[in-house]
Structure formats: C-alpha cells, structure tokens
C-alpha cells in the first residue's frame, strides 16, 4: 500500500492497519495511480484476527468527482 498511498508513510500505514484489527471503518485518503496522478479515494475496511493471524479486507472507491462537485 505504501507504493500507492500518497497520504501516509509505510510506518503510519502499518500502525493504522494494527488499529483496524477487529474493526470496520470507512475513511478517505489519496492514492497515486500508475501514471502518477493523485486521486481521492474512500476506503472501506474490515479487520479481523483468525487463529492468531491478522487479516484486513479493504475496498477502495475513487471519489475524485464527488469531491470536485463539493467545491463547486
């Protein structure tokens, strides 16, 4: 994730992932596309622990147009 998340460092992401275990959250961040362009995204996560292993399911949605519409 640190390769495409433009808002948080790798260390900050690791701490955020730990915090998400056992929770379901929705938050906004900024991702970097392959072409280098930055886009606003909404992340929906669900973290869990199964037999001592931590898992995090995350889905992202591009919200760039929605954010632009709010400004206008």
PDB file of N, CA and C in Angstrom:
ATOM      1  N   UNK A   1       0.812  -1.193   0.000  1.00  0.00           N
ATOM      2  CA  UNK A   1       0.000   0.000   0.000  1.00  0.00           C
ATOM      3  C   UNK A   1       0.856   1.258   0.000  1.00  0.00           C
ATOM      4  N   UNK A   2       2.004   1.205   0.625  1.00  0.00           N
ATOM      5  CA  UNK A   2       2.853   2.397   0.698  1.00  0.00           C
ATOM      6  C   UNK A   2       3.271   2.871  -0.699  1.00  0.00           C
ATOM      7  N   UNK A   3       3.242   1.975  -1.692  1.00  0.00           N
ATOM      8  CA  UNK A   3       3.603   2.360  -3.055  1.00  0.00           C
ATOM      9  C   UNK A   3       2.556   3.262  -3.687  1.00  0.00           C
ATOM     10  N   UNK A   4       1.286   3.108  -3.296  1.00  0.00           N
ATOM     11  CA  UNK A   4       0.268   3.925  -3.946  1.00  0.00           C
ATOM     12  C   UNK A   4      -0.452   4.888  -3.005  1.00  0.00           C
ATOM     13  N   UNK A   5      -0.333   4.742  -1.702  1.00  0.00           N
ATOM     14  CA  UNK A   5      -0.964   5.703  -0.807  1.00  0.00           C
ATOM     15  C   UNK A   5      -0.061   6.923  -0.673  1.00  0.00           C
ATOM     16  N   UNK A   6      -0.569   8.078  -1.074  1.00  0.00           N
ATOM     17  CA  UNK A   6       0.230   9.308  -1.081  1.00  0.00           C
ATOM     18  C   UNK A   6       0.051  10.127   0.190  1.00  0.00           C
ATOM     19  N   UNK A   7      -0.804   9.678   1.097  1.00  0.00           N
ATOM     20  CA  UNK A   7      -1.081  10.464   2.295  1.00  0.00           C
ATOM     21  C   UNK A   7      -0.258  10.018   3.501  1.00  0.00           C
ATOM     22  N   UNK A   8      -0.039   8.709   3.656  1.00  0.00           N
ATOM     23  CA  UNK A   8       0.635   8.193   4.844  1.00  0.00           C
ATOM     24  C   UNK A   8       1.907   7.449   4.474  1.00  0.00           C
ATOM     25  N   UNK A   9       2.884   7.501   5.363  1.00  0.00           N
ATOM     26  CA  UNK A   9       4.136   6.764   5.170  1.00  0.00           C
ATOM     27  C   UNK A   9       3.890   5.276   5.441  1.00  0.00           C
ATOM     28  N   UNK A  10       4.873   4.447   5.105  1.00  0.00           N
ATOM     29  CA  UNK A  10       4.751   2.998   5.348  1.00  0.00           C
ATOM     30  C   UNK A  10       4.540   2.721   6.832  1.00  0.00           C
ATOM     31  N   UNK A  11       5.268   3.421   7.710  1.00  0.00           N
ATOM     32  CA  UNK A  11       5.122   3.234   9.155  1.00  0.00           C
ATOM     33  C   UNK A  11       3.746   3.643   9.649  1.00  0.00           C
ATOM     34  N   UNK A  12       3.235   4.756   9.130  1.00  0.00           N
ATOM     35  CA  UNK A  12       1.889   5.207   9.515  1.00  0.00           C
ATOM     36  C   UNK A  12       0.829   4.215   9.056  1.00  0.00           C
ATOM     37  N   UNK A  13       1.005   3.663   7.859  1.00  0.00           N
ATOM     38  CA  UNK A  13       0.061   2.659   7.361  1.00  0.00           C
ATOM     39  C   UNK A  13       0.079   1.413   8.238  1.00  0.00           C
ATOM     40  N   UNK A  14       1.266   0.977   8.633  1.00  0.00           N
ATOM     41  CA  UNK A  14       1.381  -0.210   9.484  1.00  0.00           C
ATOM     42  C   UNK A  14       0.650   0.004  10.808  1.00  0.00           C
ATOM     43  N   UNK A  15       0.817   1.166  11.412  1.00  0.00           N
ATOM     44  CA  UNK A  15       0.122   1.468  12.663  1.00  0.00           C
ATOM     45  C   UNK A  15      -1.390   1.533  12.447  1.00  0.00           C
ATOM     46  N   UNK A  16      -1.800   2.119  11.333  1.00  0.00           N
ATOM     47  CA  UNK A  16      -3.234   2.207  11.027  1.00  0.00           C
ATOM     48  C   UNK A  16      -3.815   0.809  10.852  1.00  0.00           C
ATOM     49  N   UNK A  17      -3.082  -0.095  10.183  1.00  0.00           N
ATOM     50  CA  UNK A  17      -3.565  -1.459   9.991  1.00  0.00           C
ATOM     51  C   UNK A  17      -3.752  -2.162  11.332  1.00  0.00           C
ATOM     52  N   UNK A  18      -2.791  -2.000  12.228  1.00  0.00           N
ATOM     53  CA  UNK A  18      -2.904  -2.608  13.561  1.00  0.00           C
ATOM     54  C   UNK A  18      -4.148  -2.100  14.266  1.00  0.00           C
ATOM     55  N   UNK A  19      -4.409  -0.798  14.150  1.00  0.00           N
ATOM     56  CA  UNK A  19      -5.560  -0.181  14.802  1.00  0.00           C
ATOM     57  C   UNK A  19      -6.878  -0.717  14.237  1.00  0.00           C
ATOM     58  N   UNK A  20      -6.883  -1.125  12.956  1.00  0.00           N
ATOM     59  CA  UNK A  20      -8.107  -1.582  12.299  1.00  0.00           C
ATOM     60  C   UNK A  20      -8.503  -3.013  12.633  1.00  0.00           C
ATOM     61  N   UNK A  21      -7.606  -3.802  13.223  1.00  0.00           N
ATOM     62  CA  UNK A  21      -7.940  -5.194  13.541  1.00  0.00           C
ATOM     63  C   UNK A  21      -9.115  -5.209  14.511  1.00  0.00           C
ATOM     64  N   UNK A  22     -10.134  -5.974  14.150  1.00  0.00           N
ATOM     65  CA  UNK A  22     -11.336  -6.077  14.980  1.00  0.00           C
ATOM     66  C   UNK A  22     -12.347  -4.973  14.740  1.00  0.00           C
ATOM     67  N   UNK A  23     -12.097  -4.130  13.735  1.00  0.00           N
ATOM     68  CA  UNK A  23     -12.991  -3.005  13.456  1.00  0.00           C
ATOM     69  C   UNK A  23     -13.405  -2.987  11.995  1.00  0.00           C
ATOM     70  N   UNK A  24     -14.480  -2.300  11.737  1.00  0.00           N
ATOM     71  CA  UNK A  24     -14.885  -1.959  10.375  1.00  0.00           C
ATOM     72  C   UNK A  24     -14.899  -0.449  10.304  1.00  0.00           C
ATOM     73  N   UNK A  25     -14.215   0.107   9.339  1.00  0.00           N
ATOM     74  CA  UNK A  25     -14.075   1.565   9.240  1.00  0.00           C
ATOM     75  C   UNK A  25     -14.215   2.009   7.791  1.00  0.00           C
ATOM     76  N   UNK A  26     -14.544   3.278   7.636  1.00  0.00           N
ATOM     77  CA  UNK A  26     -14.560   3.924   6.328  1.00  0.00           C
ATOM     78  C   UNK A  26     -13.828   5.251   6.496  1.00  0.00           C
ATOM     79  N   UNK A  27     -12.870   5.525   5.599  1.00  0.00           N
ATOM     80  CA  UNK A  27     -12.115   6.762   5.678  1.00  0.00           C
ATOM     81  C   UNK A  27     -11.662   7.177   4.285  1.00  0.00           C
ATOM     82  N   UNK A  28     -11.204   8.411   4.176  1.00  0.00           N
ATOM     83  CA  UNK A  28     -10.722   8.931   2.901  1.00  0.00           C
ATOM     84  C   UNK A  28      -9.212   9.098   2.950  1.00  0.00           C
ATOM     85  N   UNK A  29      -8.590   8.912   1.789  1.00  0.00           N
ATOM     86  CA  UNK A  29      -7.160   9.130   1.648  1.00  0.00           C
ATOM     87  C   UNK A  29      -6.873   9.521   0.203  1.00  0.00           C
ATOM     88  N   UNK A  30      -5.620   9.606  -0.158  1.00  0.00           N
ATOM     89  CA  UNK A  30      -5.209   9.954  -1.517  1.00  0.00           C
ATOM     90  C   UNK A  30      -4.318   8.831  -2.037  1.00  0.00           C
ATOM     91  N   UNK A  31      -4.641   8.322  -3.224  1.00  0.00           N
ATOM     92  CA  UNK A  31      -3.833   7.276  -3.847  1.00  0.00           C
ATOM     93  C   UNK A  31      -3.171   7.807  -5.098  1.00  0.00           C
ATOM     94  N   UNK A  32      -2.084   7.158  -5.455  1.00  0.00           N
ATOM     95  CA  UNK A  32      -1.338   7.505  -6.665  1.00  0.00           C
ATOM     96  C   UNK A  32      -1.590   6.414  -7.706  1.00  0.00           C
ATOM     97  N   UNK A  33      -2.078   6.834  -8.878  1.00  0.00           N
ATOM     98  CA  UNK A  33      -2.303   5.874  -9.965  1.00  0.00           C
ATOM     99  C   UNK A  33      -0.976   5.510 -10.624  1.00  0.00           C
ATOM    100  N   UNK A  34      -0.983   4.506 -11.494  1.00  0.00           N
ATOM    101  CA  UNK A  34       0.237   4.091 -12.197  1.00  0.00           C
ATOM    102  C   UNK A  34       0.869   5.232 -12.982  1.00  0.00           C
ATOM    103  N   UNK A  35       0.025   6.122 -13.523  1.00  0.00           N
ATOM    104  CA  UNK A  35       0.559   7.238 -14.310  1.00  0.00           C
ATOM    105  C   UNK A  35       1.057   8.393 -13.437  1.00  0.00           C
ATOM    106  N   UNK A  36       0.976   8.240 -12.104  1.00  0.00           N
ATOM    107  CA  UNK A  36       1.472   9.257 -11.185  1.00  0.00           C
ATOM    108  C   UNK A  36       0.420  10.247 -10.715  1.00  0.00           C
ATOM    109  N   UNK A  37      -0.745  10.250 -11.356  1.00  0.00           N
ATOM    110  CA  UNK A  37      -1.816  11.176 -10.968  1.00  0.00           C
ATOM    111  C   UNK A  37      -2.352  10.800  -9.590  1.00  0.00           C
ATOM    112  N   UNK A  38      -2.716  11.817  -8.808  1.00  0.00           N
ATOM    113  CA  UNK A  38      -3.289  11.588  -7.479  1.00  0.00           C
ATOM    114  C   UNK A  38      -4.805  11.621  -7.562  1.00  0.00           C
ATOM    115  N   UNK A  39      -5.452  10.678  -6.861  1.00  0.00           N
ATOM    116  CA  UNK A  39      -6.910  10.638  -6.829  1.00  0.00           C
ATOM    117  C   UNK A  39      -7.370  10.494  -5.383  1.00  0.00           C
ATOM    118  N   UNK A  40      -8.515  11.094  -5.092  1.00  0.00           N
ATOM    119  CA  UNK A  40      -9.142  10.939  -3.783  1.00  0.00           C
ATOM    120  C   UNK A  40      -9.890   9.615  -3.773  1.00  0.00           C
ATOM    121  N   UNK A  41      -9.731   8.854  -2.698  1.00  0.00           N
ATOM    122  CA  UNK A  41     -10.416   7.565  -2.584  1.00  0.00           C
ATOM    123  C   UNK A  41     -11.062   7.431  -1.204  1.00  0.00           C
ATOM    124  N   UNK A  42     -12.125   6.652  -1.180  1.00  0.00           N
ATOM    125  CA  UNK A  42     -12.764   6.268   0.073  1.00  0.00           C
ATOM    126  C   UNK A  42     -12.434   4.787   0.280  1.00  0.00           C
ATOM    127  N   UNK A  43     -11.952   4.457   1.462  1.00  0.00           N
ATOM    128  CA  UNK A  43     -11.565   3.089   1.785  1.00  0.00           C
ATOM    129  C   UNK A  43     -12.561   2.533   2.794  1.00  0.00           C
ATOM    130  N   UNK A  44     -13.085   1.357   2.514  1.00  0.00           N
ATOM    131  CA  UNK A  44     -13.921   0.629   3.464  1.00  0.00           C
ATOM    132  C   UNK A  44     -13.128  -0.586   3.909  1.00  0.00           C
ATOM    133  N   UNK A  45     -12.956  -0.740   5.221  1.00  0.00           N
ATOM    134  CA  UNK A  45     -12.136  -1.835   5.726  1.00  0.00           C
ATOM    135  C   UNK A  45     -12.885  -2.669   6.745  1.00  0.00           C
ATOM    136  N   UNK A  46     -12.454  -3.901   6.839  1.00  0.00           N
ATOM    137  CA  UNK A  46     -12.919  -4.805   7.876  1.00  0.00           C
ATOM    138  C   UNK A  46     -11.709  -5.633   8.295  1.00  0.00           C
ATOM    139  N   UNK A  47     -11.302  -5.481   9.556  1.00  0.00           N
ATOM    140  CA  UNK A  47     -10.134  -6.194  10.049  1.00  0.00           C
ATOM    141  C   UNK A  47     -10.541  -7.257  11.054  1.00  0.00           C
ATOM    142  N   UNK A  48      -9.812  -8.361  11.042  1.00  0.00           N
ATOM    143  CA  UNK A  48     -10.148  -9.447  11.961  1.00  0.00           C
ATOM    144  C   UNK A  48      -8.918 -10.264  12.317  1.00  0.00           C
ATOM    145  N   UNK A  49      -9.042 -11.007  13.384  1.00  0.00           N
ATOM    146  CA  UNK A  49      -7.993 -11.943  13.790  1.00  0.00           C
ATOM    147  C   UNK A  49      -8.597 -13.338  13.750  1.00  0.00           C
ATOM    148  N   UNK A  50      -7.919 -14.248  13.056  1.00  0.00           N
ATOM    149  CA  UNK A  50      -8.367 -15.636  12.938  1.00  0.00           C
ATOM    150  C   UNK A  50      -7.193 -16.520  13.309  1.00  0.00           C
ATOM    151  N   UNK A  51      -7.367 -17.314  14.354  1.00  0.00           N
ATOM    152  CA  UNK A  51      -6.343 -18.239  14.828  1.00  0.00           C
ATOM    153  C   UNK A  51      -4.983 -17.545  14.979  1.00  0.00           C
ATOM    154  N   UNK A  52      -5.017 -16.351  15.562  1.00  0.00           N
ATOM    155  CA  UNK A  52      -3.786 -15.621  15.838  1.00  0.00           C
ATOM    156  C   UNK A  52      -3.205 -14.849  14.669  1.00  0.00           C
ATOM    157  N   UNK A  53      -3.821 -14.961  13.489  1.00  0.00           N
ATOM    158  CA  UNK A  53      -3.345 -14.220  12.320  1.00  0.00           C
ATOM    159  C   UNK A  53      -4.257 -13.034  12.069  1.00  0.00           C
ATOM    160  N   UNK A  54      -3.661 -11.909  11.682  1.00  0.00           N
ATOM    161  CA  UNK A  54      -4.429 -10.702  11.410  1.00  0.00           C
ATOM    162  C   UNK A  54      -4.702 -10.580   9.916  1.00  0.00           C
ATOM    163  N   UNK A  55      -5.953 -10.260   9.599  1.00  0.00           N
ATOM    164  CA  UNK A  55      -6.376 -10.080   8.215  1.00  0.00           C
ATOM    165  C   UNK A  55      -7.093  -8.750   8.091  1.00  0.00           C
ATOM    166  N   UNK A  56      -6.917  -8.101   6.943  1.00  0.00           N
ATOM    167  CA  UNK A  56      -7.583  -6.844   6.675  1.00  0.00           C
ATOM    168  C   UNK A  56      -8.123  -6.879   5.255  1.00  0.00           C
ATOM    169  N   UNK A  57      -9.438  -6.763   5.121  1.00  0.00           N
ATOM    170  CA  UNK A  57     -10.071  -6.648   3.814  1.00  0.00           C
ATOM    171  C   UNK A  57     -10.322  -5.163   3.590  1.00  0.00           C
ATOM    172  N   UNK A  58      -9.890  -4.657   2.451  1.00  0.00           N
ATOM    173  CA  UNK A  58     -10.095  -3.244   2.142  1.00  0.00           C
ATOM    174  C   UNK A  58     -10.549  -3.095   0.695  1.00  0.00           C
ATOM    175  N   UNK A  59     -11.542  -2.245   0.499  1.00  0.00           N
ATOM    176  CA  UNK A  59     -12.028  -1.921  -0.844  1.00  0.00           C
ATOM    177  C   UNK A  59     -11.938  -0.413  -1.003  1.00  0.00           C
ATOM    178  N   UNK A  60     -11.454   0.031  -2.162  1.00  0.00           N
ATOM    179  CA  UNK A  60     -11.336   1.465  -2.383  1.00  0.00           C
ATOM    180  C   UNK A  60     -12.254   1.901  -3.521  1.00  0.00           C
ATOM    181  N   UNK A  61     -12.671   3.161  -3.421  1.00  0.00           N
ATOM    182  CA  UNK A  61     -13.558   3.734  -4.428  1.00  0.00           C
ATOM    183  C   UNK A  61     -13.063   5.133  -4.751  1.00  0.00           C
ATOM    184  N   UNK A  62     -12.931   5.423  -6.036  1.00  0.00           N
ATOM    185  CA  UNK A  62     -12.490   6.743  -6.492  1.00  0.00           C
ATOM    186  C   UNK A  62     -13.605   7.761  -6.211  1.00  0.00           C
ATOM    187  N   UNK A  63     -13.300   8.774  -5.408  1.00  0.00           N
ATOM    188  CA  UNK A  63     -14.297   9.796  -5.070  1.00  0.00           C
ATOM    189  C   UNK A  63     -13.850  11.182  -5.556  1.00  0.00           C
ATOM    190  N   UNK A  64     -12.940  11.206  -6.523  1.00  0.00           N
ATOM    191  CA  UNK A  64     -12.406  12.463  -7.031  1.00  0.00           C
ATOM    192  C   UNK A  64     -13.527  13.373  -7.535  1.00  0.00           C
ATOM    193  N   UNK A  65     -14.427  12.846  -8.360  1.00  0.00           N
ATOM    194  CA  UNK A  65     -15.502  13.663  -8.919  1.00  0.00           C
ATOM    195  C   UNK A  65     -16.449  14.155  -7.827  1.00  0.00           C
ATOM    196  N   UNK A  66     -16.742  13.322  -6.859  1.00  0.00           N
ATOM    197  CA  UNK A  66     -17.609  13.725  -5.756  1.00  0.00           C
ATOM    198  C   UNK A  66     -16.983  14.890  -4.977  1.00  0.00           C
ATOM    199  N   UNK A  67     -15.683  14.808  -4.740  1.00  0.00           N
ATOM    200  CA  UNK A  67     -15.006  15.877  -4.008  1.00  0.00           C
ATOM    201  C   UNK A  67     -14.958  17.170  -4.836  1.00  0.00           C
ATOM    202  N   UNK A  68     -14.754  17.056  -6.139  1.00  0.00           N
ATOM    203  CA  UNK A  68     -14.771  18.231  -7.014  1.00  0.00           C
ATOM    204  C   UNK A  68     -16.145  18.899  -7.004  1.00  0.00           C
ATOM    205  N   UNK A  69     -17.209  18.107  -7.005  1.00  0.00           N
ATOM    206  CA  UNK A  69     -18.571  18.639  -7.008  1.00  0.00           C
ATOM    207  C   UNK A  69     -18.858  19.417  -5.719  1.00  0.00           C
ATOM    208  N   UNK A  70     -18.285  18.990  -4.586  1.00  0.00           N
ATOM    209  CA  UNK A  70     -18.483  19.694  -3.321  1.00  0.00           C
ATOM    210  C   UNK A  70     -17.878  21.085  -3.344  1.00  0.00           C
ATOM    211  N   UNK A  71     -16.765  21.241  -4.060  1.00  0.00           N
ATOM    212  CA  UNK A  71     -16.046  22.507  -4.103  1.00  0.00           C
ATOM    213  C   UNK A  71     -16.805  23.523  -4.949  1.00  0.00           C
ATOM    214  N   UNK A  72     -17.433  23.052  -6.016  1.00  0.00           N
ATOM    215  CA  UNK A  72     -18.129  23.963  -6.946  1.00  0.00           C
ATOM    216  C   UNK A  72     -19.420  24.492  -6.386  1.00  0.00           C
TER     217      UNK A  72
END
